[in-house]
Amino acid sequence: MSSLPYYIAILLIICVTFISFSLMLDLFEMREWMHHTTHFLETTLKDPDTP
């Protein structure tokens, strides 16, 4: 029973690390998505004839 808090602490650390990594990846993907979207809008507005 004495080792139970140790496993709980490890699980909490893993969860916090996973959540922080996922948040960082979401922010990075959002920045990339915004960059691609603005680039696509710029090219579409500049050259309407190109697909």
N, C-alpha and C. Protein backbone atom coordinates (compact mmCIF):
# COMPACT_ATOMS: atom_id res chain seq x y z
N MET A 1 0.82 -1.21 0.00
CA MET A 1 0.00 0.00 0.00
C MET A 1 0.85 1.25 0.00
N SER A 2 2.08 1.13 0.49
CA SER A 2 2.92 2.34 0.59
C SER A 2 3.41 2.80 -0.78
N SER A 3 3.38 1.91 -1.76
CA SER A 3 3.87 2.27 -3.09
C SER A 3 2.76 2.87 -3.96
N LEU A 4 1.53 2.92 -3.43
CA LEU A 4 0.41 3.43 -4.23
C LEU A 4 0.57 4.90 -4.58
N PRO A 5 0.89 5.81 -3.66
CA PRO A 5 1.07 7.23 -4.02
C PRO A 5 2.19 7.42 -5.05
N TYR A 6 3.19 6.53 -5.04
CA TYR A 6 4.29 6.62 -6.00
C TYR A 6 3.77 6.41 -7.42
N TYR A 7 2.91 5.38 -7.60
CA TYR A 7 2.33 5.14 -8.93
C TYR A 7 1.39 6.28 -9.32
N ILE A 8 0.65 6.82 -8.36
CA ILE A 8 -0.24 7.94 -8.65
C ILE A 8 0.56 9.15 -9.11
N ALA A 9 1.68 9.41 -8.46
CA ALA A 9 2.53 10.54 -8.85
C ALA A 9 3.07 10.34 -10.25
N ILE A 10 3.49 9.11 -10.57
CA ILE A 10 4.01 8.82 -11.92
C ILE A 10 2.91 9.03 -12.95
N LEU A 11 1.71 8.56 -12.65
CA LEU A 11 0.60 8.73 -13.59
C LEU A 11 0.28 10.21 -13.78
N LEU A 12 0.31 10.98 -12.70
CA LEU A 12 0.03 12.42 -12.82
C LEU A 12 1.10 13.10 -13.67
N ILE A 13 2.36 12.74 -13.46
CA ILE A 13 3.45 13.35 -14.23
C ILE A 13 3.29 13.00 -15.71
N ILE A 14 2.95 11.74 -16.01
CA ILE A 14 2.77 11.33 -17.40
C ILE A 14 1.61 12.08 -18.03
N CYS A 15 0.51 12.22 -17.28
CA CYS A 15 -0.66 12.93 -17.82
C CYS A 15 -0.33 14.39 -18.08
N VAL A 16 0.33 15.04 -17.15
CA VAL A 16 0.67 16.46 -17.32
C VAL A 16 1.62 16.63 -18.51
N THR A 17 2.60 15.73 -18.64
CA THR A 17 3.53 15.83 -19.76
C THR A 17 2.80 15.62 -21.09
N PHE A 18 1.91 14.62 -21.14
CA PHE A 18 1.16 14.34 -22.36
C PHE A 18 0.27 15.52 -22.74
N ILE A 19 -0.40 16.10 -21.74
CA ILE A 19 -1.29 17.24 -22.01
C ILE A 19 -0.48 18.44 -22.50
N SER A 20 0.67 18.70 -21.87
CA SER A 20 1.47 19.85 -22.29
C SER A 20 2.00 19.64 -23.70
N PHE A 21 2.44 18.42 -24.02
CA PHE A 21 2.92 18.15 -25.38
C PHE A 21 1.79 18.30 -26.40
N SER A 22 0.61 17.81 -26.06
CA SER A 22 -0.52 17.91 -26.99
C SER A 22 -0.91 19.37 -27.19
N LEU A 23 -0.86 20.17 -26.13
CA LEU A 23 -1.18 21.59 -26.26
C LEU A 23 -0.15 22.28 -27.14
N MET A 24 1.14 21.96 -26.95
CA MET A 24 2.18 22.55 -27.77
C MET A 24 1.99 22.16 -29.23
N LEU A 25 1.66 20.89 -29.48
CA LEU A 25 1.45 20.44 -30.86
C LEU A 25 0.23 21.12 -31.46
N ASP A 26 -0.83 21.28 -30.66
CA ASP A 26 -2.03 21.95 -31.16
C ASP A 26 -1.72 23.40 -31.54
N LEU A 27 -0.95 24.09 -30.69
CA LEU A 27 -0.61 25.48 -30.99
C LEU A 27 0.25 25.55 -32.25
N PHE A 28 1.22 24.61 -32.39
CA PHE A 28 2.07 24.60 -33.57
C PHE A 28 1.26 24.31 -34.82
N GLU A 29 0.37 23.31 -34.74
CA GLU A 29 -0.46 22.98 -35.91
C GLU A 29 -1.40 24.13 -36.25
N MET A 30 -1.90 24.82 -35.22
CA MET A 30 -2.79 25.94 -35.48
C MET A 30 -2.03 27.06 -36.19
N ARG A 31 -0.79 27.31 -35.76
CA ARG A 31 0.01 28.33 -36.43
C ARG A 31 0.30 27.93 -37.87
N GLU A 32 0.63 26.66 -38.07
CA GLU A 32 0.89 26.18 -39.44
C GLU A 32 -0.39 26.29 -40.28
N TRP A 33 -1.53 25.92 -39.70
CA TRP A 33 -2.80 25.98 -40.42
C TRP A 33 -3.13 27.42 -40.78
N MET A 34 -2.93 28.36 -39.83
CA MET A 34 -3.18 29.77 -40.11
C MET A 34 -2.24 30.26 -41.21
N HIS A 35 -0.99 29.84 -41.17
CA HIS A 35 -0.03 30.26 -42.19
C HIS A 35 -0.45 29.75 -43.56
N HIS A 36 -0.83 28.47 -43.65
CA HIS A 36 -1.27 27.92 -44.94
C HIS A 36 -2.57 28.58 -45.41
N THR A 37 -3.47 28.86 -44.47
CA THR A 37 -4.74 29.48 -44.85
C THR A 37 -4.52 30.89 -45.38
N THR A 38 -3.70 31.67 -44.69
CA THR A 38 -3.44 33.03 -45.17
C THR A 38 -2.71 32.99 -46.51
N HIS A 39 -1.77 32.05 -46.68
CA HIS A 39 -1.06 31.93 -47.95
C HIS A 39 -2.03 31.55 -49.06
N PHE A 40 -2.95 30.62 -48.78
CA PHE A 40 -3.94 30.21 -49.77
C PHE A 40 -4.86 31.37 -50.12
N LEU A 41 -5.30 32.14 -49.11
CA LEU A 41 -6.17 33.28 -49.38
C LEU A 41 -5.43 34.34 -50.20
N GLU A 42 -4.17 34.57 -49.88
CA GLU A 42 -3.41 35.56 -50.64
C GLU A 42 -3.27 35.14 -52.09
N THR A 43 -2.93 33.87 -52.31
CA THR A 43 -2.77 33.41 -53.70
C THR A 43 -4.11 33.41 -54.43
N THR A 44 -5.18 33.08 -53.72
CA THR A 44 -6.50 33.07 -54.36
C THR A 44 -6.95 34.48 -54.71
N LEU A 45 -6.69 35.43 -53.82
CA LEU A 45 -7.10 36.79 -54.09
C LEU A 45 -6.23 37.42 -55.18
N LYS A 46 -4.95 37.05 -55.20
CA LYS A 46 -4.06 37.65 -56.21
C LYS A 46 -4.31 37.03 -57.58
N ASP A 47 -4.46 35.70 -57.63
CA ASP A 47 -4.65 35.01 -58.91
C ASP A 47 -5.94 34.20 -58.87
N PRO A 48 -7.06 34.79 -59.19
CA PRO A 48 -8.35 34.07 -59.13
C PRO A 48 -8.45 32.97 -60.19
N ASP A 49 -7.68 33.09 -61.27
CA ASP A 49 -7.81 32.10 -62.35
C ASP A 49 -7.12 30.80 -61.99
N THR A 50 -6.09 30.85 -61.15
CA THR A 50 -5.36 29.62 -60.81
C THR A 50 -6.19 28.80 -59.84
N PRO A 51 -6.18 27.47 -59.99
CA PRO A 51 -6.96 26.59 -59.10
C PRO A 51 -6.35 26.53 -57.69
